[in-house]
Amino acid sequence: MLEKLILHNFKSHKSTELNFDNSRLHGIVGKNSAGKTTVLQALYSLSMLTYSSSTQIFKHENLHQFITTMGEKRMSITASGYWQDNIKRKWKFFYSIEEEKIYNHNSIIILSIDGHQYDWDQDPRFRDISKIPQSLKNTIYLKLIASNLAKPAYSEEITPRVEFDGSGLAPTLDSLRDEAPDKFQFIEEKLSRCKKTTKI
């Protein structure tokens, strides 16, 4: 379960801390250009680090000089929470990069479990996907495009799914309304807390 996300000098977020309760669904609400998508991008990037190298993730428009707050040299993303098999275990996943010279950066990735820290790049044990907190495995970065949200796109032979650009959202909700009305109602209630006039 993800409990906290901390952004330090990540794009427009000089110092942002988000705390989550144990709900299964959370929404980020704010004005345009408030940094909502940036929060999702940070969490998505952190989850990608569990199976890809930082050089594969932070490239092109996501190079460090483009995602670090202007005028700053050090950027970090920290996610923390817990997971429970037989016993409850606290975890923290931390990524930091600092500019040493122009085009020369020093990065570090740390996984902390119950207070014990491990260097992600140096300790191969944690490349085993089973040892990665479940909360970090399933992060999906949705960049919703309004024109795609209502596209019909499924038949009874194909189970609908939501794509990163929002395609498939309408048929997925429609399918959920029929197959799992309790889950559909739960989503509708959560969304109505964000916007009172929400009606799916």
N, C-alpha and C. Protein backbone atom coordinates (compact mmCIF):
# COMPACT_ATOMS: atom_id res chain seq x y z
N MET A 1 0.85 -1.19 0.00
CA MET A 1 0.00 0.00 0.00
C MET A 1 0.89 1.25 0.00
N LEU A 2 0.65 2.14 -0.94
CA LEU A 2 1.37 3.40 -1.00
C LEU A 2 0.79 4.36 0.04
N GLU A 3 1.66 4.93 0.87
CA GLU A 3 1.20 5.84 1.93
C GLU A 3 1.66 7.28 1.71
N LYS A 4 2.82 7.45 1.08
CA LYS A 4 3.36 8.80 0.97
C LYS A 4 4.20 8.94 -0.30
N LEU A 5 4.12 10.12 -0.92
CA LEU A 5 4.96 10.46 -2.07
C LEU A 5 5.54 11.84 -1.83
N ILE A 6 6.86 11.96 -1.95
CA ILE A 6 7.55 13.23 -1.72
C ILE A 6 8.33 13.60 -2.98
N LEU A 7 8.08 14.81 -3.48
CA LEU A 7 8.81 15.33 -4.64
C LEU A 7 9.67 16.51 -4.19
N HIS A 8 10.94 16.48 -4.58
CA HIS A 8 11.85 17.57 -4.25
C HIS A 8 12.50 18.06 -5.54
N ASN A 9 12.19 19.29 -5.91
CA ASN A 9 12.72 19.89 -7.14
C ASN A 9 12.40 19.07 -8.39
N PHE A 10 11.21 18.48 -8.43
CA PHE A 10 10.77 17.75 -9.62
C PHE A 10 9.83 18.66 -10.40
N LYS A 11 10.32 19.20 -11.52
CA LYS A 11 9.58 20.16 -12.34
C LYS A 11 9.08 21.31 -11.46
N SER A 12 7.76 21.53 -11.41
CA SER A 12 7.23 22.68 -10.66
C SER A 12 7.13 22.42 -9.16
N HIS A 13 7.41 21.20 -8.74
CA HIS A 13 7.26 20.84 -7.32
C HIS A 13 8.60 20.97 -6.58
N LYS A 14 8.82 22.13 -5.97
CA LYS A 14 10.06 22.32 -5.22
C LYS A 14 10.07 21.46 -3.96
N SER A 15 8.93 21.37 -3.31
CA SER A 15 8.83 20.54 -2.10
C SER A 15 7.35 20.18 -1.91
N THR A 16 7.00 18.97 -2.31
CA THR A 16 5.61 18.53 -2.25
C THR A 16 5.52 17.18 -1.56
N GLU A 17 4.62 17.07 -0.60
CA GLU A 17 4.40 15.80 0.09
C GLU A 17 2.92 15.44 0.01
N LEU A 18 2.63 14.25 -0.51
CA LEU A 18 1.26 13.76 -0.60
C LEU A 18 1.11 12.54 0.29
N ASN A 19 0.07 12.55 1.13
CA ASN A 19 -0.21 11.41 2.00
C ASN A 19 -1.50 10.74 1.56
N PHE A 20 -1.49 9.40 1.51
CA PHE A 20 -2.63 8.63 1.04
C PHE A 20 -3.19 7.78 2.17
N ASP A 21 -4.53 7.65 2.19
CA ASP A 21 -5.13 6.74 3.16
C ASP A 21 -5.21 5.35 2.52
N ASN A 22 -5.93 4.43 3.13
CA ASN A 22 -5.94 3.06 2.63
C ASN A 22 -7.05 2.81 1.61
N SER A 23 -7.55 3.88 0.97
CA SER A 23 -8.54 3.71 -0.10
C SER A 23 -7.89 3.06 -1.31
N ARG A 24 -8.69 2.41 -2.12
CA ARG A 24 -8.17 1.77 -3.33
C ARG A 24 -8.10 2.74 -4.51
N LEU A 25 -8.77 3.88 -4.38
CA LEU A 25 -8.81 4.84 -5.48
C LEU A 25 -8.58 6.24 -4.94
N HIS A 26 -7.67 6.97 -5.58
CA HIS A 26 -7.41 8.35 -5.20
C HIS A 26 -7.51 9.23 -6.44
N GLY A 27 -7.93 10.46 -6.25
CA GLY A 27 -7.99 11.42 -7.34
C GLY A 27 -7.18 12.65 -6.99
N ILE A 28 -6.57 13.26 -8.00
CA ILE A 28 -5.83 14.51 -7.81
C ILE A 28 -6.62 15.62 -8.49
N VAL A 29 -7.01 16.60 -7.72
CA VAL A 29 -7.85 17.68 -8.22
C VAL A 29 -7.11 19.00 -8.04
N GLY A 30 -7.18 19.86 -9.05
CA GLY A 30 -6.53 21.16 -8.94
C GLY A 30 -6.72 21.97 -10.21
N LYS A 31 -6.29 23.22 -10.17
CA LYS A 31 -6.41 24.10 -11.33
C LYS A 31 -5.46 23.65 -12.43
N ASN A 32 -5.70 24.16 -13.64
CA ASN A 32 -4.78 23.89 -14.74
C ASN A 32 -3.39 24.38 -14.38
N SER A 33 -2.39 23.62 -14.78
CA SER A 33 -0.97 23.94 -14.53
C SER A 33 -0.61 23.92 -13.06
N ALA A 34 -1.39 23.20 -12.24
CA ALA A 34 -1.08 23.10 -10.81
C ALA A 34 -0.07 21.99 -10.53
N GLY A 35 0.23 21.16 -11.54
CA GLY A 35 1.22 20.10 -11.35
C GLY A 35 0.63 18.73 -11.09
N LYS A 36 -0.64 18.53 -11.43
CA LYS A 36 -1.29 17.23 -11.18
C LYS A 36 -0.65 16.12 -12.00
N THR A 37 -0.47 16.37 -13.30
CA THR A 37 0.14 15.36 -14.17
C THR A 37 1.58 15.10 -13.77
N THR A 38 2.27 16.11 -13.28
CA THR A 38 3.65 15.94 -12.84
C THR A 38 3.75 14.95 -11.69
N VAL A 39 2.79 14.99 -10.78
CA VAL A 39 2.77 14.03 -9.67
C VAL A 39 2.66 12.61 -10.20
N LEU A 40 1.75 12.40 -11.16
CA LEU A 40 1.58 11.08 -11.75
C LEU A 40 2.83 10.64 -12.50
N GLN A 41 3.46 11.58 -13.19
CA GLN A 41 4.68 11.26 -13.94
C GLN A 41 5.80 10.83 -12.99
N ALA A 42 5.91 11.51 -11.85
CA ALA A 42 6.95 11.17 -10.88
C ALA A 42 6.75 9.76 -10.34
N LEU A 43 5.52 9.43 -9.97
CA LEU A 43 5.24 8.10 -9.44
C LEU A 43 5.44 7.03 -10.50
N TYR A 44 5.04 7.33 -11.72
CA TYR A 44 5.23 6.39 -12.82
C TYR A 44 6.72 6.15 -13.08
N SER A 45 7.51 7.22 -13.08
CA SER A 45 8.96 7.09 -13.30
C SER A 45 9.60 6.23 -12.22
N LEU A 46 9.15 6.43 -10.98
CA LEU A 46 9.70 5.64 -9.88
C LEU A 46 9.38 4.16 -10.05
N SER A 47 8.16 3.86 -10.46
CA SER A 47 7.79 2.46 -10.65
C SER A 47 8.56 1.84 -11.82
N MET A 48 8.84 2.63 -12.85
CA MET A 48 9.62 2.14 -13.99
C MET A 48 11.03 1.75 -13.58
N LEU A 49 11.57 2.43 -12.56
CA LEU A 49 12.93 2.13 -12.10
C LEU A 49 13.06 0.73 -11.51
N THR A 50 11.94 0.09 -11.17
CA THR A 50 12.01 -1.25 -10.60
C THR A 50 12.38 -2.30 -11.64
N TYR A 51 12.28 -1.96 -12.93
CA TYR A 51 12.68 -2.95 -13.93
C TYR A 51 13.42 -2.34 -15.13
N SER A 52 13.69 -1.04 -15.11
CA SER A 52 14.48 -0.41 -16.17
C SER A 52 15.54 0.48 -15.54
N SER A 53 16.61 0.74 -16.27
CA SER A 53 17.66 1.60 -15.75
C SER A 53 17.24 3.06 -15.86
N SER A 54 17.86 3.90 -15.06
CA SER A 54 17.50 5.32 -15.06
C SER A 54 17.82 5.97 -16.41
N THR A 55 18.85 5.46 -17.11
CA THR A 55 19.20 6.03 -18.41
C THR A 55 18.13 5.73 -19.46
N GLN A 56 17.40 4.63 -19.28
CA GLN A 56 16.32 4.30 -20.21
C GLN A 56 15.07 5.13 -19.95
N ILE A 57 14.88 5.50 -18.70
CA ILE A 57 13.66 6.22 -18.31
C ILE A 57 13.81 7.73 -18.49
N PHE A 58 14.94 8.26 -18.01
CA PHE A 58 15.14 9.71 -18.04
C PHE A 58 15.95 10.08 -19.28
N LYS A 59 15.27 10.15 -20.40
CA LYS A 59 15.92 10.51 -21.66
C LYS A 59 14.97 11.38 -22.48
N HIS A 60 15.50 11.94 -23.58
CA HIS A 60 14.74 12.84 -24.45
C HIS A 60 14.13 13.98 -23.63
N GLU A 61 12.79 14.14 -23.67
CA GLU A 61 12.18 15.25 -22.93
C GLU A 61 12.20 15.03 -21.43
N ASN A 62 12.57 13.81 -21.00
CA ASN A 62 12.64 13.52 -19.57
C ASN A 62 14.08 13.50 -19.05
N LEU A 63 15.00 14.08 -19.81
CA LEU A 63 16.36 14.21 -19.31
C LEU A 63 16.35 15.02 -18.01
N HIS A 64 17.33 14.76 -17.16
CA HIS A 64 17.33 15.38 -15.83
C HIS A 64 17.29 16.91 -15.88
N GLN A 65 17.99 17.48 -16.86
CA GLN A 65 17.99 18.95 -16.91
C GLN A 65 16.63 19.53 -17.27
N PHE A 66 15.72 18.69 -17.82
CA PHE A 66 14.39 19.17 -18.17
C PHE A 66 13.36 18.91 -17.07
N ILE A 67 13.63 17.98 -16.17
CA ILE A 67 12.64 17.67 -15.13
C ILE A 67 13.04 18.17 -13.75
N THR A 68 14.26 18.68 -13.63
CA THR A 68 14.69 19.29 -12.37
C THR A 68 14.26 20.75 -12.36
N THR A 69 13.72 21.21 -11.24
CA THR A 69 13.28 22.60 -11.11
C THR A 69 14.38 23.56 -11.55
N MET A 70 14.00 24.56 -12.34
CA MET A 70 14.98 25.51 -12.88
C MET A 70 15.80 26.14 -11.75
N GLY A 71 17.10 26.20 -11.97
CA GLY A 71 17.99 26.81 -10.99
C GLY A 71 18.46 25.87 -9.90
N GLU A 72 17.95 24.64 -9.88
CA GLU A 72 18.34 23.66 -8.86
C GLU A 72 19.24 22.59 -9.48
N LYS A 73 20.06 21.98 -8.65
CA LYS A 73 20.99 20.95 -9.12
C LYS A 73 20.60 19.55 -8.66
N ARG A 74 19.80 19.45 -7.61
CA ARG A 74 19.46 18.14 -7.05
C ARG A 74 17.96 17.92 -7.08
N MET A 75 17.56 16.74 -7.55
CA MET A 75 16.14 16.38 -7.62
C MET A 75 15.96 15.00 -7.00
N SER A 76 14.83 14.79 -6.32
CA SER A 76 14.57 13.46 -5.76
C SER A 76 13.08 13.15 -5.73
N ILE A 77 12.79 11.85 -5.80
CA ILE A 77 11.42 11.33 -5.69
C ILE A 77 11.46 10.23 -4.65
N THR A 78 10.56 10.28 -3.68
CA THR A 78 10.50 9.25 -2.64
C THR A 78 9.08 8.74 -2.49
N ALA A 79 8.92 7.43 -2.54
CA ALA A 79 7.62 6.81 -2.27
C ALA A 79 7.80 5.87 -1.09
N SER A 80 6.79 5.79 -0.23
CA SER A 80 6.90 4.89 0.92
C SER A 80 5.53 4.33 1.26
N GLY A 81 5.55 3.20 1.95
CA GLY A 81 4.31 2.55 2.35
C GLY A 81 4.60 1.24 3.05
N TYR A 82 3.71 0.29 2.88
CA TYR A 82 3.92 -1.01 3.50
C TYR A 82 3.32 -2.09 2.62
N TRP A 83 3.79 -3.32 2.82
CA TRP A 83 3.10 -4.45 2.21
C TRP A 83 3.08 -5.58 3.22
N GLN A 84 2.16 -6.49 3.04
CA GLN A 84 1.92 -7.50 4.06
C GLN A 84 1.73 -8.87 3.42
N ASP A 85 2.65 -9.79 3.73
CA ASP A 85 2.48 -11.20 3.37
C ASP A 85 2.02 -11.89 4.64
N ASN A 86 2.97 -12.43 5.37
CA ASN A 86 2.65 -12.98 6.69
C ASN A 86 2.80 -11.90 7.77
N ILE A 87 3.76 -10.99 7.54
CA ILE A 87 3.97 -9.90 8.48
C ILE A 87 3.97 -8.58 7.72
N LYS A 88 3.63 -7.52 8.42
CA LYS A 88 3.60 -6.19 7.82
C LYS A 88 5.02 -5.65 7.71
N ARG A 89 5.39 -5.16 6.53
CA ARG A 89 6.74 -4.64 6.32
C ARG A 89 6.65 -3.23 5.74
N LYS A 90 7.46 -2.34 6.30
CA LYS A 90 7.51 -0.96 5.82
C LYS A 90 8.56 -0.85 4.73
N TRP A 91 8.27 -0.09 3.68
CA TRP A 91 9.24 0.09 2.61
C TRP A 91 9.33 1.56 2.20
N LYS A 92 10.48 1.90 1.62
CA LYS A 92 10.69 3.24 1.06
C LYS A 92 11.56 3.08 -0.18
N PHE A 93 11.16 3.73 -1.27
CA PHE A 93 11.93 3.67 -2.52
C PHE A 93 12.31 5.10 -2.88
N PHE A 94 13.60 5.34 -3.06
CA PHE A 94 14.12 6.69 -3.17
C PHE A 94 15.01 6.80 -4.41
N TYR A 95 14.76 7.83 -5.21
CA TYR A 95 15.62 8.12 -6.36
C TYR A 95 16.08 9.56 -6.26
N SER A 96 17.38 9.77 -6.45
CA SER A 96 17.93 11.12 -6.37
C SER A 96 19.00 11.29 -7.44
N ILE A 97 19.06 12.47 -7.99
CA ILE A 97 20.13 12.78 -8.95
C ILE A 97 20.61 14.20 -8.70
N GLU A 98 21.91 14.39 -8.82
CA GLU A 98 22.51 15.70 -8.57
C GLU A 98 23.49 16.02 -9.68
N GLU A 99 23.41 17.24 -10.17
CA GLU A 99 24.34 17.68 -11.22
C GLU A 99 25.67 18.03 -10.58
N GLU A 100 26.74 17.36 -11.05
CA GLU A 100 28.08 17.66 -10.55
C GLU A 100 28.77 18.68 -11.46
N LYS A 101 28.68 18.43 -12.75
CA LYS A 101 29.18 19.36 -13.76
C LYS A 101 28.15 19.37 -14.88
N ILE A 102 28.32 20.25 -15.83
CA ILE A 102 27.39 20.29 -16.96
C ILE A 102 27.41 18.95 -17.67
N TYR A 103 26.24 18.36 -17.87
CA TYR A 103 26.05 17.06 -18.53
C TYR A 103 26.69 15.91 -17.75
N ASN A 104 27.03 16.14 -16.49
CA ASN A 104 27.58 15.06 -15.66
C ASN A 104 26.74 14.98 -14.39
N HIS A 105 26.04 13.85 -14.21
CA HIS A 105 25.11 13.71 -13.09
C HIS A 105 25.46 12.47 -12.27
N ASN A 106 25.18 12.56 -10.99
CA ASN A 106 25.39 11.43 -10.08
C ASN A 106 24.03 11.03 -9.51
N SER A 107 23.63 9.77 -9.78
CA SER A 107 22.31 9.33 -9.32
C SER A 107 22.43 8.17 -8.34
N ILE A 108 21.39 8.01 -7.53
CA ILE A 108 21.36 6.92 -6.56
C ILE A 108 19.91 6.43 -6.41
N ILE A 109 19.76 5.11 -6.26
CA ILE A 109 18.45 4.50 -6.04
C ILE A 109 18.56 3.63 -4.79
N ILE A 110 17.73 3.90 -3.80
CA ILE A 110 17.79 3.18 -2.53
C ILE A 110 16.43 2.54 -2.24
N LEU A 111 16.45 1.27 -1.88
CA LEU A 111 15.25 0.58 -1.38
C LEU A 111 15.48 0.32 0.10
N SER A 112 14.55 0.77 0.91
CA SER A 112 14.63 0.56 2.36
C SER A 112 13.48 -0.34 2.79
N ILE A 113 13.80 -1.42 3.50
CA ILE A 113 12.78 -2.34 4.01
C ILE A 113 12.95 -2.45 5.52
N ASP A 114 11.92 -2.06 6.24
CA ASP A 114 11.96 -2.08 7.71
C ASP A 114 13.20 -1.37 8.25
N GLY A 115 13.57 -0.27 7.61
CA GLY A 115 14.69 0.54 8.09
C GLY A 115 16.05 0.12 7.57
N HIS A 116 16.15 -1.02 6.89
CA HIS A 116 17.42 -1.48 6.33
C HIS A 116 17.54 -1.00 4.89
N GLN A 117 18.63 -0.28 4.59
CA GLN A 117 18.79 0.31 3.27
C GLN A 117 19.63 -0.58 2.36
N TYR A 118 19.21 -0.62 1.07
CA TYR A 118 19.92 -1.41 0.07
C TYR A 118 20.12 -0.55 -1.17
N ASP A 119 21.33 -0.58 -1.71
CA ASP A 119 21.63 0.12 -2.95
C ASP A 119 21.03 -0.68 -4.10
N TRP A 120 20.05 -0.10 -4.76
CA TRP A 120 19.30 -0.82 -5.80
C TRP A 120 20.21 -1.33 -6.92
N ASP A 121 21.16 -0.50 -7.34
CA ASP A 121 22.04 -0.88 -8.45
C ASP A 121 23.11 -1.88 -8.05
N GLN A 122 23.47 -1.90 -6.76
CA GLN A 122 24.56 -2.76 -6.32
C GLN A 122 24.10 -4.09 -5.74
N ASP A 123 22.84 -4.19 -5.34
CA ASP A 123 22.35 -5.41 -4.70
C ASP A 123 21.39 -6.14 -5.64
N PRO A 124 21.87 -7.19 -6.33
CA PRO A 124 21.04 -7.88 -7.34
C PRO A 124 19.84 -8.62 -6.77
N ARG A 125 19.80 -8.85 -5.46
CA ARG A 125 18.67 -9.58 -4.88
C ARG A 125 17.35 -8.90 -5.17
N PHE A 126 17.38 -7.59 -5.27
CA PHE A 126 16.14 -6.84 -5.41
C PHE A 126 15.73 -6.64 -6.87
N ARG A 127 16.46 -7.30 -7.77
CA ARG A 127 15.98 -7.36 -9.15
C ARG A 127 14.92 -8.45 -9.27
N ASP A 128 14.81 -9.29 -8.24
CA ASP A 128 13.76 -10.30 -8.20
C ASP A 128 12.43 -9.59 -7.99
N ILE A 129 11.56 -9.67 -8.98
CA ILE A 129 10.31 -8.91 -8.95
C ILE A 129 9.47 -9.22 -7.72
N SER A 130 9.62 -10.42 -7.15
CA SER A 130 8.80 -10.79 -6.00
C SER A 130 9.17 -10.00 -4.76
N LYS A 131 10.37 -9.39 -4.75
CA LYS A 131 10.80 -8.65 -3.57
C LYS A 131 10.46 -7.15 -3.68
N ILE A 132 9.87 -6.76 -4.79
CA ILE A 132 9.51 -5.36 -4.98
C ILE A 132 8.12 -5.13 -4.41
N PRO A 133 7.93 -4.09 -3.61
CA PRO A 133 6.60 -3.82 -3.07
C PRO A 133 5.55 -3.75 -4.17
N GLN A 134 4.44 -4.43 -3.95
CA GLN A 134 3.37 -4.51 -4.96
C GLN A 134 2.89 -3.12 -5.37
N SER A 135 2.94 -2.17 -4.46
CA SER A 135 2.46 -0.82 -4.75
C SER A 135 3.23 -0.16 -5.88
N LEU A 136 4.48 -0.57 -6.08
CA LEU A 136 5.29 0.03 -7.13
C LEU A 136 5.18 -0.70 -8.46
N LYS A 137 4.67 -1.92 -8.44
CA LYS A 137 4.62 -2.70 -9.68
C LYS A 137 3.51 -2.23 -10.61
N ASN A 138 2.42 -1.78 -10.05
CA ASN A 138 1.21 -1.59 -10.84
C ASN A 138 0.90 -0.14 -11.19
N THR A 139 1.88 0.73 -11.07
CA THR A 139 1.64 2.14 -11.37
C THR A 139 1.43 2.33 -12.87
N ILE A 140 0.36 3.04 -13.24
CA ILE A 140 0.07 3.32 -14.63
C ILE A 140 -0.07 4.83 -14.78
N TYR A 141 0.63 5.38 -15.75
CA TYR A 141 0.61 6.82 -15.98
C TYR A 141 -0.44 7.12 -17.04
N LEU A 142 -1.57 7.68 -16.64
CA LEU A 142 -2.65 8.00 -17.57
C LEU A 142 -2.58 9.47 -17.97
N LYS A 143 -2.38 9.70 -19.24
CA LYS A 143 -2.47 11.06 -19.76
C LYS A 143 -3.75 11.10 -20.59
N LEU A 144 -4.82 11.52 -19.97
CA LEU A 144 -6.14 11.41 -20.59
C LEU A 144 -6.37 12.50 -21.63
N ILE A 145 -6.81 12.07 -22.80
CA ILE A 145 -7.15 12.98 -23.88
C ILE A 145 -8.66 12.93 -24.04
N ALA A 146 -9.31 14.08 -23.88
CA ALA A 146 -10.77 14.12 -23.79
C ALA A 146 -11.47 13.41 -24.94
N SER A 147 -10.96 13.60 -26.17
CA SER A 147 -11.63 13.01 -27.33
C SER A 147 -11.57 11.49 -27.33
N ASN A 148 -10.64 10.92 -26.56
CA ASN A 148 -10.50 9.46 -26.53
C ASN A 148 -11.36 8.80 -25.45
N LEU A 149 -11.80 9.59 -24.47
CA LEU A 149 -12.45 8.99 -23.31
C LEU A 149 -13.75 8.27 -23.64
N ALA A 150 -14.49 8.80 -24.60
CA ALA A 150 -15.81 8.23 -24.90
C ALA A 150 -15.81 7.27 -26.09
N LYS A 151 -14.63 6.96 -26.63
CA LYS A 151 -14.58 6.08 -27.80
C LYS A 151 -15.10 4.68 -27.46
N PRO A 152 -16.12 4.19 -28.19
CA PRO A 152 -16.55 2.80 -27.98
C PRO A 152 -15.54 1.88 -28.65
N ALA A 153 -15.18 0.78 -27.99
CA ALA A 153 -14.12 -0.04 -28.58
C ALA A 153 -14.09 -1.47 -28.06
N TYR A 154 -15.24 -2.09 -27.84
CA TYR A 154 -15.13 -3.48 -27.40
C TYR A 154 -16.35 -4.29 -27.82
N SER A 155 -16.16 -5.58 -27.85
CA SER A 155 -17.25 -6.51 -28.13
C SER A 155 -17.30 -7.50 -26.99
N GLU A 156 -18.23 -8.43 -27.03
CA GLU A 156 -18.33 -9.42 -25.95
C GLU A 156 -17.14 -10.35 -25.93
N GLU A 157 -16.41 -10.45 -27.05
CA GLU A 157 -15.25 -11.33 -27.11
C GLU A 157 -13.99 -10.66 -26.56
N ILE A 158 -14.01 -9.35 -26.45
CA ILE A 158 -12.81 -8.61 -26.03
C ILE A 158 -13.11 -7.86 -24.74
N THR A 159 -12.29 -8.08 -23.73
CA THR A 159 -12.43 -7.35 -22.47
C THR A 159 -11.80 -5.97 -22.62
N PRO A 160 -12.53 -4.90 -22.38
CA PRO A 160 -11.97 -3.55 -22.55
C PRO A 160 -10.90 -3.25 -21.51
N ARG A 161 -9.98 -2.36 -21.86
CA ARG A 161 -8.95 -1.90 -20.93
C ARG A 161 -8.65 -0.44 -21.21
N VAL A 162 -8.22 0.26 -20.18
CA VAL A 162 -7.90 1.68 -20.31
C VAL A 162 -6.46 1.83 -20.77
N GLU A 163 -6.25 2.57 -21.86
CA GLU A 163 -4.91 2.83 -22.36
C GLU A 163 -4.37 4.11 -21.73
N PHE A 164 -3.07 4.38 -21.95
CA PHE A 164 -2.43 5.51 -21.28
C PHE A 164 -3.02 6.86 -21.68
N ASP A 165 -3.64 6.93 -22.87
CA ASP A 165 -4.21 8.20 -23.33
C ASP A 165 -5.69 8.33 -23.03
N GLY A 166 -6.26 7.37 -22.30
CA GLY A 166 -7.67 7.43 -21.93
C GLY A 166 -8.57 6.60 -22.81
N SER A 167 -8.06 6.11 -23.94
CA SER A 167 -8.87 5.26 -24.80
C SER A 167 -9.33 4.03 -24.02
N GLY A 168 -10.59 3.70 -24.19
CA GLY A 168 -11.11 2.51 -23.52
C GLY A 168 -11.75 2.78 -22.18
N LEU A 169 -11.70 4.03 -21.70
CA LEU A 169 -12.28 4.32 -20.38
C LEU A 169 -13.80 4.11 -20.39
N ALA A 170 -14.48 4.65 -21.41
CA ALA A 170 -15.94 4.53 -21.46
C ALA A 170 -16.40 3.07 -21.53
N PRO A 171 -15.85 2.26 -22.46
CA PRO A 171 -16.29 0.85 -22.49
C PRO A 171 -15.90 0.06 -21.25
N THR A 172 -14.78 0.44 -20.62
CA THR A 172 -14.38 -0.25 -19.39
C THR A 172 -15.39 0.01 -18.28
N LEU A 173 -15.80 1.27 -18.14
CA LEU A 173 -16.80 1.62 -17.12
C LEU A 173 -18.15 0.98 -17.44
N ASP A 174 -18.49 0.95 -18.73
CA ASP A 174 -19.75 0.34 -19.15
C ASP A 174 -19.76 -1.15 -18.82
N SER A 175 -18.62 -1.80 -19.08
CA SER A 175 -18.50 -3.23 -18.78
C SER A 175 -18.57 -3.47 -17.28
N LEU A 176 -17.91 -2.59 -16.52
CA LEU A 176 -17.88 -2.72 -15.06
C LEU A 176 -19.28 -2.53 -14.47
N ARG A 177 -20.06 -1.64 -15.06
CA ARG A 177 -21.42 -1.39 -14.57
C ARG A 177 -22.26 -2.67 -14.61
N ASP A 178 -22.06 -3.49 -15.66
CA ASP A 178 -22.82 -4.73 -15.82
C ASP A 178 -22.25 -5.88 -15.01
N GLU A 179 -20.91 -6.01 -15.02
CA GLU A 179 -20.27 -7.18 -14.43
C GLU A 179 -19.96 -7.03 -12.95
N ALA A 180 -19.72 -5.81 -12.50
CA ALA A 180 -19.39 -5.59 -11.08
C ALA A 180 -20.03 -4.29 -10.61
N PRO A 181 -21.34 -4.27 -10.46
CA PRO A 181 -22.03 -3.01 -10.11
C PRO A 181 -21.57 -2.40 -8.80
N ASP A 182 -21.12 -3.22 -7.85
CA ASP A 182 -20.63 -2.69 -6.58
C ASP A 182 -19.35 -1.88 -6.78
N LYS A 183 -18.45 -2.39 -7.64
CA LYS A 183 -17.21 -1.66 -7.92
C LYS A 183 -17.49 -0.40 -8.71
N PHE A 184 -18.44 -0.50 -9.63
CA PHE A 184 -18.82 0.67 -10.43
C PHE A 184 -19.37 1.77 -9.52
N GLN A 185 -20.23 1.39 -8.58
CA GLN A 185 -20.81 2.37 -7.65
C GLN A 185 -19.72 3.00 -6.79
N PHE A 186 -18.73 2.19 -6.39
CA PHE A 186 -17.62 2.69 -5.57
C PHE A 186 -16.85 3.77 -6.34
N ILE A 187 -16.55 3.51 -7.62
CA ILE A 187 -15.83 4.49 -8.44
C ILE A 187 -16.65 5.76 -8.60
N GLU A 188 -17.95 5.61 -8.85
CA GLU A 188 -18.82 6.77 -9.03
C GLU A 188 -18.87 7.63 -7.77
N GLU A 189 -18.92 6.98 -6.60
CA GLU A 189 -18.95 7.72 -5.34
C GLU A 189 -17.65 8.49 -5.12
N LYS A 190 -16.52 7.84 -5.45
CA LYS A 190 -15.22 8.50 -5.28
C LYS A 190 -15.11 9.72 -6.19
N LEU A 191 -15.52 9.56 -7.45
CA LEU A 191 -15.43 10.66 -8.40
C LEU A 191 -16.35 11.81 -8.01
N SER A 192 -17.51 11.50 -7.44
CA SER A 192 -18.45 12.56 -7.06
C SER A 192 -17.92 13.39 -5.90
N ARG A 193 -16.97 12.83 -5.14
CA ARG A 193 -16.35 13.63 -4.07
C ARG A 193 -15.45 14.70 -4.67
N CYS A 194 -14.86 14.37 -5.83
CA CYS A 194 -13.99 15.34 -6.51
C CYS A 194 -14.83 16.40 -7.22
N LYS A 195 -15.87 15.94 -7.88
CA LYS A 195 -16.76 16.85 -8.63
C LYS A 195 -18.19 16.42 -8.36
N LYS A 196 -18.94 17.26 -7.66
CA LYS A 196 -20.26 16.89 -7.16
C LYS A 196 -21.23 16.48 -8.26
N THR A 197 -21.03 17.02 -9.47
CA THR A 197 -21.99 16.74 -10.55
C THR A 197 -21.62 15.51 -11.37
N THR A 198 -20.62 14.74 -10.93
CA THR A 198 -20.18 13.57 -11.69
C THR A 198 -21.31 12.56 -11.81
N LYS A 199 -21.56 12.14 -13.04
CA LYS A 199 -22.54 11.09 -13.30
C LYS A 199 -22.01 10.23 -14.44
N ILE A 200 -21.75 8.96 -14.16
CA ILE A 200 -21.19 8.08 -15.18
C ILE A 200 -22.32 7.37 -15.91
